[in-house]
PDB file of all heavy atoms in Angstrom:
ATOM      1  N   GLN A   1      -5.790 -18.258  19.486  1.00  0.00           N
ATOM      2  CA  GLN A   1      -4.437 -18.546  19.751  1.00  0.00           C
ATOM      3  C   GLN A   1      -3.507 -17.730  18.837  1.00  0.00           C
ATOM      4  O   GLN A   1      -2.400 -17.338  19.212  1.00  0.00           O
ATOM      5  CB  GLN A   1      -4.087 -20.083  19.551  1.00  0.00           C
ATOM      6  CG  GLN A   1      -4.488 -20.897  20.777  1.00  0.00           C
ATOM      7  CD  GLN A   1      -4.056 -22.312  20.616  1.00  0.00           C
ATOM      8  OE1 GLN A   1      -3.771 -22.768  19.524  1.00  0.00           O
ATOM      9  NE2 GLN A   1      -3.977 -22.995  21.737  1.00  0.00           N
ATOM     10  N   ILE A   2      -3.939 -17.503  17.641  1.00  0.00           N
ATOM     11  CA  ILE A   2      -3.132 -16.660  16.739  1.00  0.00           C
ATOM     12  C   ILE A   2      -2.992 -15.277  17.279  1.00  0.00           C
ATOM     13  O   ILE A   2      -1.904 -14.657  17.225  1.00  0.00           O
ATOM     14  CB  ILE A   2      -3.776 -16.619  15.297  1.00  0.00           C
ATOM     15  CG1 ILE A   2      -3.655 -18.014  14.659  1.00  0.00           C
ATOM     16  CG2 ILE A   2      -3.125 -15.614  14.462  1.00  0.00           C
ATOM     17  CD1 ILE A   2      -4.352 -18.154  13.423  1.00  0.00           C
ATOM     18  N   LEU A   3      -4.059 -14.692  17.831  1.00  0.00           N
ATOM     19  CA  LEU A   3      -3.962 -13.372  18.417  1.00  0.00           C
ATOM     20  C   LEU A   3      -3.074 -13.423  19.697  1.00  0.00           C
ATOM     21  O   LEU A   3      -2.271 -12.529  19.900  1.00  0.00           O
ATOM     22  CB  LEU A   3      -5.372 -12.942  18.898  1.00  0.00           C
ATOM     23  CG  LEU A   3      -5.436 -11.554  19.542  1.00  0.00           C
ATOM     24  CD1 LEU A   3      -4.866 -10.450  18.658  1.00  0.00           C
ATOM     25  CD2 LEU A   3      -6.856 -11.273  20.064  1.00  0.00           C
ATOM     26  N   ALA A   4      -3.124 -14.459  20.473  1.00  0.00           N
ATOM     27  CA  ALA A   4      -2.268 -14.629  21.656  1.00  0.00           C
ATOM     28  C   ALA A   4      -0.808 -14.742  21.212  1.00  0.00           C
ATOM     29  O   ALA A   4       0.096 -14.237  21.827  1.00  0.00           O
ATOM     30  CB  ALA A   4      -2.655 -15.846  22.524  1.00  0.00           C
ATOM     31  N   ILE A   5      -0.559 -15.472  20.125  1.00  0.00           N
ATOM     32  CA  ILE A   5       0.827 -15.569  19.597  1.00  0.00           C
ATOM     33  C   ILE A   5       1.348 -14.253  19.234  1.00  0.00           C
ATOM     34  O   ILE A   5       2.493 -13.819  19.535  1.00  0.00           O
ATOM     35  CB  ILE A   5       0.903 -16.621  18.435  1.00  0.00           C
ATOM     36  CG1 ILE A   5       0.736 -18.031  19.005  1.00  0.00           C
ATOM     37  CG2 ILE A   5       2.163 -16.498  17.724  1.00  0.00           C
ATOM     38  CD1 ILE A   5       0.571 -19.112  17.922  1.00  0.00           C
ATOM     39  N   ASP A   6       0.460 -13.519  18.491  1.00  0.00           N
ATOM     40  CA  ASP A   6       0.846 -12.168  18.011  1.00  0.00           C
ATOM     41  C   ASP A   6       1.206 -11.228  19.229  1.00  0.00           C
ATOM     42  O   ASP A   6       2.264 -10.580  19.275  1.00  0.00           O
ATOM     43  CB  ASP A   6      -0.204 -11.555  17.185  1.00  0.00           C
ATOM     44  CG  ASP A   6       0.201 -10.267  16.477  1.00  0.00           C
ATOM     45  OD1 ASP A   6       1.361 -10.181  16.025  1.00  0.00           O
ATOM     46  OD2 ASP A   6      -0.587  -9.310  16.518  1.00  0.00           O
ATOM     47  N   LEU A   7       0.341 -11.246  20.245  1.00  0.00           N
ATOM     48  CA  LEU A   7       0.648 -10.442  21.410  1.00  0.00           C
ATOM     49  C   LEU A   7       1.915 -10.889  22.186  1.00  0.00           C
ATOM     50  O   LEU A   7       2.667 -10.080  22.620  1.00  0.00           O
ATOM     51  CB  LEU A   7      -0.626 -10.463  22.339  1.00  0.00           C
ATOM     52  CG  LEU A   7      -1.837  -9.677  21.829  1.00  0.00           C
ATOM     53  CD1 LEU A   7      -3.020  -9.963  22.717  1.00  0.00           C
ATOM     54  CD2 LEU A   7      -1.520  -8.247  21.808  1.00  0.00           C
ATOM     55  N   GLY A   8       2.081 -12.210  22.231  1.00  0.00           N
ATOM     56  CA  GLY A   8       3.207 -12.723  22.974  1.00  0.00           C
ATOM     57  C   GLY A   8       4.495 -12.527  22.255  1.00  0.00           C
ATOM     58  O   GLY A   8       5.520 -12.314  22.922  1.00  0.00           O
ATOM     59  N   THR A   9       4.483 -12.525  20.901  1.00  0.00           N
ATOM     60  CA  THR A   9       5.742 -12.394  20.185  1.00  0.00           C
ATOM     61  C   THR A   9       6.069 -10.937  19.823  1.00  0.00           C
ATOM     62  O   THR A   9       7.198 -10.645  19.477  1.00  0.00           O
ATOM     63  CB  THR A   9       5.743 -13.232  18.902  1.00  0.00           C
ATOM     64  OG1 THR A   9       4.698 -12.837  18.059  1.00  0.00           O
ATOM     65  CG2 THR A   9       5.616 -14.710  19.253  1.00  0.00           C
ATOM     66  N   GLU A  10       5.138 -10.073  19.877  1.00  0.00           N
ATOM     67  CA  GLU A  10       5.417  -8.712  19.520  1.00  0.00           C
ATOM     68  C   GLU A  10       5.640  -7.799  20.707  1.00  0.00           C
ATOM     69  O   GLU A  10       6.382  -6.785  20.601  1.00  0.00           O
ATOM     70  CB  GLU A  10       4.181  -8.116  18.682  1.00  0.00           C
ATOM     71  CG  GLU A  10       3.948  -8.869  17.388  1.00  0.00           C
ATOM     72  CD  GLU A  10       5.063  -8.694  16.408  1.00  0.00           C
ATOM     73  OE1 GLU A  10       5.781  -7.652  16.375  1.00  0.00           O
ATOM     74  OE2 GLU A  10       5.314  -9.703  15.685  1.00  0.00           O
ATOM     75  N   THR A  11       5.095  -8.102  21.878  1.00  0.00           N
ATOM     76  CA  THR A  11       5.208  -7.231  22.984  1.00  0.00           C
ATOM     77  C   THR A  11       6.611  -7.097  23.579  1.00  0.00           C
ATOM     78  O   THR A  11       7.018  -6.007  23.732  1.00  0.00           O
ATOM     79  CB  THR A  11       4.189  -7.675  24.090  1.00  0.00           C
ATOM     80  OG1 THR A  11       2.901  -7.768  23.521  1.00  0.00           O
ATOM     81  CG2 THR A  11       4.167  -6.747  25.230  1.00  0.00           C
ATOM     82  N   ILE A  12       7.173  -8.266  23.851  1.00  0.00           N
ATOM     83  CA  ILE A  12       8.512  -8.207  24.483  1.00  0.00           C
ATOM     84  C   ILE A  12       9.553  -7.645  23.545  1.00  0.00           C
ATOM     85  O   ILE A  12      10.347  -6.756  23.999  1.00  0.00           O
ATOM     86  CB  ILE A  12       8.894  -9.621  24.948  1.00  0.00           C
ATOM     87  CG1 ILE A  12       7.982 -10.044  26.066  1.00  0.00           C
ATOM     88  CG2 ILE A  12      10.373  -9.725  25.387  1.00  0.00           C
ATOM     89  CD1 ILE A  12       8.137 -11.458  26.553  1.00  0.00           C
ATOM     90  N   PRO A  13       9.646  -8.009  22.263  1.00  0.00           N
ATOM     91  CA  PRO A  13      10.608  -7.259  21.397  1.00  0.00           C
ATOM     92  C   PRO A  13      10.371  -5.753  21.289  1.00  0.00           C
ATOM     93  O   PRO A  13      11.320  -4.987  21.210  1.00  0.00           O
ATOM     94  CB  PRO A  13      10.480  -7.992  20.046  1.00  0.00           C
ATOM     95  CG  PRO A  13       9.950  -9.306  20.324  1.00  0.00           C
ATOM     96  CD  PRO A  13       9.101  -9.118  21.579  1.00  0.00           C
ATOM     97  N   ALA A  14       9.095  -5.373  21.280  1.00  0.00           N
ATOM     98  CA  ALA A  14       8.779  -3.963  21.169  1.00  0.00           C
ATOM     99  C   ALA A  14       9.231  -3.209  22.414  1.00  0.00           C
ATOM    100  O   ALA A  14       9.798  -2.128  22.358  1.00  0.00           O
ATOM    101  CB  ALA A  14       7.250  -3.703  20.909  1.00  0.00           C
ATOM    102  N   LEU A  15       9.067  -3.818  23.594  1.00  0.00           N
ATOM    103  CA  LEU A  15       9.546  -3.208  24.790  1.00  0.00           C
ATOM    104  C   LEU A  15      11.101  -3.160  24.798  1.00  0.00           C
ATOM    105  O   LEU A  15      11.662  -2.145  25.267  1.00  0.00           O
ATOM    106  CB  LEU A  15       9.064  -4.012  26.030  1.00  0.00           C
ATOM    107  CG  LEU A  15       7.606  -3.979  26.346  1.00  0.00           C
ATOM    108  CD1 LEU A  15       7.197  -4.923  27.431  1.00  0.00           C
ATOM    109  CD2 LEU A  15       7.274  -2.533  26.746  1.00  0.00           C
ATOM    110  N   ALA A  16      11.710  -4.190  24.318  1.00  0.00           N
ATOM    111  CA  ALA A  16      13.166  -4.215  24.218  1.00  0.00           C
ATOM    112  C   ALA A  16      13.683  -3.041  23.318  1.00  0.00           C
ATOM    113  O   ALA A  16      14.692  -2.414  23.630  1.00  0.00           O
ATOM    114  CB  ALA A  16      13.678  -5.583  23.759  1.00  0.00           C
ATOM    115  N   LEU A  17      12.988  -2.869  22.199  1.00  0.00           N
ATOM    116  CA  LEU A  17      13.409  -1.739  21.343  1.00  0.00           C
ATOM    117  C   LEU A  17      13.216  -0.420  22.010  1.00  0.00           C
ATOM    118  O   LEU A  17      13.980   0.569  21.708  1.00  0.00           O
ATOM    119  CB  LEU A  17      12.615  -1.788  20.010  1.00  0.00           C
ATOM    120  CG  LEU A  17      13.037  -2.841  18.998  1.00  0.00           C
ATOM    121  CD1 LEU A  17      12.047  -2.892  17.827  1.00  0.00           C
ATOM    122  CD2 LEU A  17      14.459  -2.628  18.474  1.00  0.00           C
ATOM    123  N   GLY A  18      12.220  -0.302  22.798  1.00  0.00           N
ATOM    124  CA  GLY A  18      11.950   1.010  23.496  1.00  0.00           C
ATOM    125  C   GLY A  18      12.972   1.413  24.476  1.00  0.00           C
ATOM    126  O   GLY A  18      13.206   2.543  24.776  1.00  0.00           O
ATOM    127  N   VAL A  19      13.663   0.399  25.099  1.00  0.00           N
ATOM    128  CA  VAL A  19      14.677   0.736  26.111  1.00  0.00           C
ATOM    129  C   VAL A  19      16.065   0.522  25.680  1.00  0.00           C
ATOM    130  O   VAL A  19      16.994   0.765  26.404  1.00  0.00           O
ATOM    131  CB  VAL A  19      14.400  -0.119  27.398  1.00  0.00           C
ATOM    132  CG1 VAL A  19      13.061   0.221  28.028  1.00  0.00           C
ATOM    133  CG2 VAL A  19      14.561  -1.579  27.049  1.00  0.00           C
ATOM    134  N   GLU A  20      16.273   0.158  24.371  1.00  0.00           N
ATOM    135  CA  GLU A  20      17.626  -0.101  23.871  1.00  0.00           C
ATOM    136  C   GLU A  20      18.350   1.162  23.733  1.00  0.00           C
ATOM    137  O   GLU A  20      17.792   2.199  23.271  1.00  0.00           O
ATOM    138  CB  GLU A  20      17.472  -0.794  22.476  1.00  0.00           C
ATOM    139  CG  GLU A  20      18.847  -1.134  21.898  1.00  0.00           C
ATOM    140  CD  GLU A  20      18.721  -1.845  20.544  1.00  0.00           C
ATOM    141  OE1 GLU A  20      17.724  -1.673  19.861  1.00  0.00           O
ATOM    142  OE2 GLU A  20      19.649  -2.585  20.207  1.00  0.00           O
ATOM    143  N   ARG A  21      19.603   1.203  24.075  1.00  0.00           N
ATOM    144  CA  ARG A  21      20.439   2.444  23.902  1.00  0.00           C
ATOM    145  C   ARG A  21      20.771   2.653  22.483  1.00  0.00           C
ATOM    146  O   ARG A  21      21.029   1.677  21.758  1.00  0.00           O
ATOM    147  CB  ARG A  21      21.734   2.305  24.720  1.00  0.00           C
ATOM    148  CG  ARG A  21      21.505   2.138  26.198  1.00  0.00           C
ATOM    149  CD  ARG A  21      22.877   2.225  26.902  1.00  0.00           C
ATOM    150  NE  ARG A  21      22.767   2.023  28.334  1.00  0.00           N
ATOM    151  CZ  ARG A  21      22.490   2.996  29.159  1.00  0.00           C
ATOM    152  NH1 ARG A  21      22.344   4.270  28.789  1.00  0.00           N
ATOM    153  NH2 ARG A  21      22.405   2.750  30.478  1.00  0.00           N
ATOM    154  N   PRO A  22      20.684   3.946  22.054  1.00  0.00           N
ATOM    155  CA  PRO A  22      20.965   4.249  20.630  1.00  0.00           C
ATOM    156  C   PRO A  22      22.467   3.975  20.350  1.00  0.00           C
ATOM    157  O   PRO A  22      23.325   4.229  21.215  1.00  0.00           O
ATOM    158  CB  PRO A  22      20.544   5.644  20.485  1.00  0.00           C
ATOM    159  CG  PRO A  22      20.631   6.226  21.873  1.00  0.00           C
ATOM    160  CD  PRO A  22      20.305   5.124  22.822  1.00  0.00           C
ATOM    161  N   GLU A  23      22.758   3.679  19.126  1.00  0.00           N
ATOM    162  CA  GLU A  23      24.152   3.605  18.641  1.00  0.00           C
ATOM    163  C   GLU A  23      24.654   4.976  18.467  1.00  0.00           C
ATOM    164  O   GLU A  23      24.063   5.849  17.810  1.00  0.00           O
ATOM    165  CB  GLU A  23      24.249   2.778  17.397  1.00  0.00           C
ATOM    166  CG  GLU A  23      23.830   1.313  17.550  1.00  0.00           C
ATOM    167  CD  GLU A  23      23.831   0.558  16.220  1.00  0.00           C
ATOM    168  OE1 GLU A  23      24.544   0.996  15.291  1.00  0.00           O
ATOM    169  OE2 GLU A  23      23.177  -0.451  16.137  1.00  0.00           O
ATOM    170  N   GLY A  24      25.836   5.236  19.008  1.00  0.00           N
ATOM    171  CA  GLY A  24      26.413   6.579  18.990  1.00  0.00           C
ATOM    172  C   GLY A  24      26.840   7.030  17.572  1.00  0.00           C
ATOM    173  O   GLY A  24      26.843   8.245  17.253  1.00  0.00           O
ATOM    174  N   ASP A  25      27.281   6.165  16.715  1.00  0.00           N
ATOM    175  CA  ASP A  25      27.841   6.537  15.466  1.00  0.00           C
ATOM    176  C   ASP A  25      26.991   6.178  14.256  1.00  0.00           C
ATOM    177  O   ASP A  25      27.430   6.091  13.134  1.00  0.00           O
ATOM    178  CB  ASP A  25      29.207   5.918  15.279  1.00  0.00           C
ATOM    179  CG  ASP A  25      29.218   4.373  15.361  1.00  0.00           C
ATOM    180  OD1 ASP A  25      28.223   3.829  15.751  1.00  0.00           O
ATOM    181  OD2 ASP A  25      30.212   3.752  14.967  1.00  0.00           O
ATOM    182  N   VAL A  26      25.696   5.920  14.517  1.00  0.00           N
ATOM    183  CA  VAL A  26      24.859   5.458  13.396  1.00  0.00           C
ATOM    184  C   VAL A  26      24.717   6.468  12.281  1.00  0.00           C
ATOM    185  O   VAL A  26      24.593   6.140  11.131  1.00  0.00           O
ATOM    186  CB  VAL A  26      23.482   4.962  13.927  1.00  0.00           C
ATOM    187  CG1 VAL A  26      22.673   6.132  14.379  1.00  0.00           C
ATOM    188  CG2 VAL A  26      22.756   4.169  12.917  1.00  0.00           C
ATOM    189  N   MET A  27      24.786   7.725  12.656  1.00  0.00           N
ATOM    190  CA  MET A  27      24.589   8.809  11.677  1.00  0.00           C
ATOM    191  C   MET A  27      25.863   9.070  10.868  1.00  0.00           C
ATOM    192  O   MET A  27      25.912   9.710   9.871  1.00  0.00           O
ATOM    193  CB  MET A  27      24.113  10.135  12.312  1.00  0.00           C
ATOM    194  CG  MET A  27      22.680   9.975  12.896  1.00  0.00           C
ATOM    195  SD  MET A  27      21.438   9.461  11.662  1.00  0.00           S
ATOM    196  CE  MET A  27      21.357  10.905  10.641  1.00  0.00           C
ATOM    197  N   LYS A  28      26.994   8.543  11.422  1.00  0.00           N
ATOM    198  CA  LYS A  28      28.280   8.712  10.703  1.00  0.00           C
ATOM    199  C   LYS A  28      28.536   7.619   9.662  1.00  0.00           C
ATOM    200  O   LYS A  28      29.394   7.779   8.820  1.00  0.00           O
ATOM    201  CB  LYS A  28      29.396   8.618  11.711  1.00  0.00           C
ATOM    202  CG  LYS A  28      29.384   9.870  12.692  1.00  0.00           C
ATOM    203  CD  LYS A  28      30.464   9.683  13.705  1.00  0.00           C
ATOM    204  CE  LYS A  28      30.421  10.810  14.692  1.00  0.00           C
ATOM    205  NZ  LYS A  28      31.319  10.710  15.768  1.00  0.00           N
ATOM    206  N   ALA A  29      27.720   6.569   9.644  1.00  0.00           N
ATOM    207  CA  ALA A  29      27.834   5.504   8.670  1.00  0.00           C
ATOM    208  C   ALA A  29      27.282   5.930   7.371  1.00  0.00           C
ATOM    209  O   ALA A  29      26.292   6.688   7.242  1.00  0.00           O
ATOM    210  CB  ALA A  29      27.073   4.286   9.134  1.00  0.00           C
ATOM    211  N   PRO A  30      28.016   5.613   6.258  1.00  0.00           N
ATOM    212  CA  PRO A  30      27.511   6.013   4.952  1.00  0.00           C
ATOM    213  C   PRO A  30      26.250   5.265   4.592  1.00  0.00           C
ATOM    214  O   PRO A  30      26.002   4.129   5.040  1.00  0.00           O
ATOM    215  CB  PRO A  30      28.637   5.623   4.030  1.00  0.00           C
ATOM    216  CG  PRO A  30      29.382   4.453   4.748  1.00  0.00           C
ATOM    217  CD  PRO A  30      29.192   4.801   6.173  1.00  0.00           C
ATOM    218  N   PRO A  31      25.436   5.805   3.721  1.00  0.00           N
ATOM    219  CA  PRO A  31      24.195   5.170   3.342  1.00  0.00           C
ATOM    220  C   PRO A  31      24.539   3.949   2.453  1.00  0.00           C
ATOM    221  O   PRO A  31      25.628   3.852   1.866  1.00  0.00           O
ATOM    222  CB  PRO A  31      23.443   6.200   2.479  1.00  0.00           C
ATOM    223  CG  PRO A  31      24.447   7.211   2.087  1.00  0.00           C
ATOM    224  CD  PRO A  31      25.579   7.165   3.095  1.00  0.00           C
ATOM    225  N   ARG A  32      23.677   2.992   2.392  1.00  0.00           N
ATOM    226  CA  ARG A  32      23.923   1.828   1.573  1.00  0.00           C
ATOM    227  C   ARG A  32      23.812   2.205   0.073  1.00  0.00           C
ATOM    228  O   ARG A  32      23.149   3.183  -0.332  1.00  0.00           O
ATOM    229  CB  ARG A  32      23.004   0.696   1.921  1.00  0.00           C
ATOM    230  CG  ARG A  32      21.567   0.946   1.731  1.00  0.00           C
ATOM    231  CD  ARG A  32      20.746  -0.293   2.191  1.00  0.00           C
ATOM    232  NE  ARG A  32      19.367   0.045   2.327  1.00  0.00           N
ATOM    233  CZ  ARG A  32      18.560   0.014   1.264  1.00  0.00           C
ATOM    234  NH1 ARG A  32      18.946  -0.281   0.127  1.00  0.00           N
ATOM    235  NH2 ARG A  32      17.289   0.368   1.498  1.00  0.00           N
ATOM    236  N   ARG A  33      24.413   1.383  -0.779  1.00  0.00           N
ATOM    237  CA  ARG A  33      24.401   1.711  -2.222  1.00  0.00           C
ATOM    238  C   ARG A  33      22.978   1.493  -2.770  1.00  0.00           C
ATOM    239  O   ARG A  33      22.241   0.770  -2.162  1.00  0.00           O
ATOM    240  CB  ARG A  33      25.402   0.736  -2.898  1.00  0.00           C
ATOM    241  CG  ARG A  33      26.852   0.908  -2.501  1.00  0.00           C
ATOM    242  CD  ARG A  33      27.772   0.053  -3.377  1.00  0.00           C
ATOM    243  NE  ARG A  33      27.200  -1.174  -3.831  1.00  0.00           N
ATOM    244  CZ  ARG A  33      27.414  -2.368  -3.235  1.00  0.00           C
ATOM    245  NH1 ARG A  33      28.140  -2.443  -2.116  1.00  0.00           N
ATOM    246  NH2 ARG A  33      26.905  -3.505  -3.714  1.00  0.00           N
ATOM    247  N   ARG A  34      22.769   2.182  -3.844  1.00  0.00           N
ATOM    248  CA  ARG A  34      21.393   2.077  -4.426  1.00  0.00           C
ATOM    249  C   ARG A  34      21.115   0.711  -4.930  1.00  0.00           C
ATOM    250  O   ARG A  34      19.954   0.221  -4.881  1.00  0.00           O
ATOM    251  CB  ARG A  34      21.250   3.078  -5.607  1.00  0.00           C
ATOM    252  CG  ARG A  34      21.067   4.463  -5.226  1.00  0.00           C
ATOM    253  CD  ARG A  34      20.840   5.308  -6.490  1.00  0.00           C
ATOM    254  NE  ARG A  34      20.604   6.677  -6.148  1.00  0.00           N
ATOM    255  CZ  ARG A  34      19.404   7.205  -6.062  1.00  0.00           C
ATOM    256  NH1 ARG A  34      18.383   6.498  -6.288  1.00  0.00           N
ATOM    257  NH2 ARG A  34      19.264   8.452  -5.747  1.00  0.00           N
ATOM    258  N   ASP A  35      22.103  -0.027  -5.347  1.00  0.00           N
ATOM    259  CA  ASP A  35      21.911  -1.395  -5.906  1.00  0.00           C
ATOM    260  C   ASP A  35      21.968  -2.455  -4.832  1.00  0.00           C
ATOM    261  O   ASP A  35      21.788  -3.630  -5.100  1.00  0.00           O
ATOM    262  CB  ASP A  35      22.908  -1.703  -7.024  1.00  0.00           C
ATOM    263  CG  ASP A  35      24.351  -1.617  -6.497  1.00  0.00           C
ATOM    264  OD1 ASP A  35      24.556  -1.014  -5.485  1.00  0.00           O
ATOM    265  OD2 ASP A  35      25.230  -2.254  -7.186  1.00  0.00           O
ATOM    266  N   GLU A  36      22.273  -2.053  -3.609  1.00  0.00           N
ATOM    267  CA  GLU A  36      22.283  -3.053  -2.522  1.00  0.00           C
ATOM    268  C   GLU A  36      20.890  -3.263  -2.016  1.00  0.00           C
ATOM    269  O   GLU A  36      20.133  -2.330  -1.638  1.00  0.00           O
ATOM    270  CB  GLU A  36      23.183  -2.444  -1.390  1.00  0.00           C
ATOM    271  CG  GLU A  36      23.341  -3.355  -0.225  1.00  0.00           C
ATOM    272  CD  GLU A  36      24.239  -2.749   0.895  1.00  0.00           C
ATOM    273  OE1 GLU A  36      24.848  -1.697   0.706  1.00  0.00           O
ATOM    274  OE2 GLU A  36      24.319  -3.337   1.994  1.00  0.00           O
ATOM    275  N   ARG A  37      20.570  -4.534  -1.979  1.00  0.00           N
ATOM    276  CA  ARG A  37      19.242  -4.900  -1.472  1.00  0.00           C
ATOM    277  C   ARG A  37      19.090  -4.935   0.002  1.00  0.00           C
ATOM    278  O   ARG A  37      20.068  -5.231   0.729  1.00  0.00           O
ATOM    279  CB  ARG A  37      18.836  -6.254  -1.986  1.00  0.00           C
ATOM    280  CG  ARG A  37      18.684  -6.313  -3.527  1.00  0.00           C
ATOM    281  CD  ARG A  37      18.355  -7.701  -3.974  1.00  0.00           C
ATOM    282  NE  ARG A  37      18.086  -7.757  -5.406  1.00  0.00           N
ATOM    283  CZ  ARG A  37      16.917  -7.701  -5.984  1.00  0.00           C
ATOM    284  NH1 ARG A  37      15.821  -7.634  -5.197  1.00  0.00           N
ATOM    285  NH2 ARG A  37      16.743  -7.703  -7.188  1.00  0.00           N
ATOM    286  N   LEU A  38      17.942  -4.573   0.530  1.00  0.00           N
ATOM    287  CA  LEU A  38      17.682  -4.581   1.947  1.00  0.00           C
ATOM    288  C   LEU A  38      17.531  -6.087   2.401  1.00  0.00           C
ATOM    289  O   LEU A  38      18.043  -6.380   3.513  1.00  0.00           O
ATOM    290  CB  LEU A  38      16.450  -3.799   2.287  1.00  0.00           C
ATOM    291  CG  LEU A  38      16.134  -3.562   3.735  1.00  0.00           C
ATOM    292  CD1 LEU A  38      17.305  -2.783   4.356  1.00  0.00           C
ATOM    293  CD2 LEU A  38      14.884  -2.757   3.910  1.00  0.00           C
ATOM    294  N   VAL A  39      16.861  -6.875   1.639  1.00  0.00           N
ATOM    295  CA  VAL A  39      16.721  -8.278   1.916  1.00  0.00           C
ATOM    296  C   VAL A  39      17.479  -9.025   0.878  1.00  0.00           C
ATOM    297  O   VAL A  39      17.115  -9.123  -0.251  1.00  0.00           O
ATOM    298  CB  VAL A  39      15.234  -8.703   1.862  1.00  0.00           C
ATOM    299  CG1 VAL A  39      15.085 -10.176   2.105  1.00  0.00           C
ATOM    300  CG2 VAL A  39      14.331  -7.882   2.820  1.00  0.00           C
ATOM    301  N   ASP A  40      18.663  -9.576   1.370  1.00  0.00           N
ATOM    302  CA  ASP A  40      19.506 -10.301   0.447  1.00  0.00           C
ATOM    303  C   ASP A  40      19.429 -11.818   0.736  1.00  0.00           C
ATOM    304  O   ASP A  40      18.692 -12.258   1.567  1.00  0.00           O
ATOM    305  CB  ASP A  40      20.942  -9.777   0.504  1.00  0.00           C
ATOM    306  CG  ASP A  40      21.539  -9.824   1.884  1.00  0.00           C
ATOM    307  OD1 ASP A  40      20.918 -10.337   2.852  1.00  0.00           O
ATOM    308  OD2 ASP A  40      22.652  -9.370   2.081  1.00  0.00           O
ATOM    309  N   LYS A  41      20.288 -12.590   0.039  1.00  0.00           N
ATOM    310  CA  LYS A  41      20.299 -14.019   0.226  1.00  0.00           C
ATOM    311  C   LYS A  41      20.640 -14.435   1.663  1.00  0.00           C
ATOM    312  O   LYS A  41      20.033 -15.422   2.145  1.00  0.00           O
ATOM    313  CB  LYS A  41      21.302 -14.661  -0.713  1.00  0.00           C
ATOM    314  CG  LYS A  41      20.815 -14.585  -2.155  1.00  0.00           C
ATOM    315  CD  LYS A  41      21.841 -15.250  -3.088  1.00  0.00           C
ATOM    316  CE  LYS A  41      21.398 -15.039  -4.554  1.00  0.00           C
ATOM    317  NZ  LYS A  41      22.386 -15.551  -5.472  1.00  0.00           N
ATOM    318  N   ALA A  42      21.557 -13.727   2.295  1.00  0.00           N
ATOM    319  CA  ALA A  42      21.924 -14.071   3.667  1.00  0.00           C
ATOM    320  C   ALA A  42      20.750 -13.892   4.655  1.00  0.00           C
ATOM    321  O   ALA A  42      20.459 -14.705   5.518  1.00  0.00           O
ATOM    322  CB  ALA A  42      23.120 -13.244   4.146  1.00  0.00           C
ATOM    323  N   VAL A  43      19.978 -12.793   4.477  1.00  0.00           N
ATOM    324  CA  VAL A  43      18.766 -12.528   5.284  1.00  0.00           C
ATOM    325  C   VAL A  43      17.727 -13.596   5.029  1.00  0.00           C
ATOM    326  O   VAL A  43      17.109 -14.118   6.026  1.00  0.00           O
ATOM    327  CB  VAL A  43      18.284 -11.118   5.079  1.00  0.00           C
ATOM    328  CG1 VAL A  43      16.919 -10.925   5.752  1.00  0.00           C
ATOM    329  CG2 VAL A  43      19.236 -10.057   5.505  1.00  0.00           C
TER     330      VAL A  43
END
């Protein structure tokens, strides 16, 4: 069942990422600050 859960929960989001349209201005955004954490309290 753990393998089935992994296959069931990873396949659909992976397919969605594959067909998602790219953001047009993602390269225009400034990089995050060095002291800014990727995983913060809100996440």
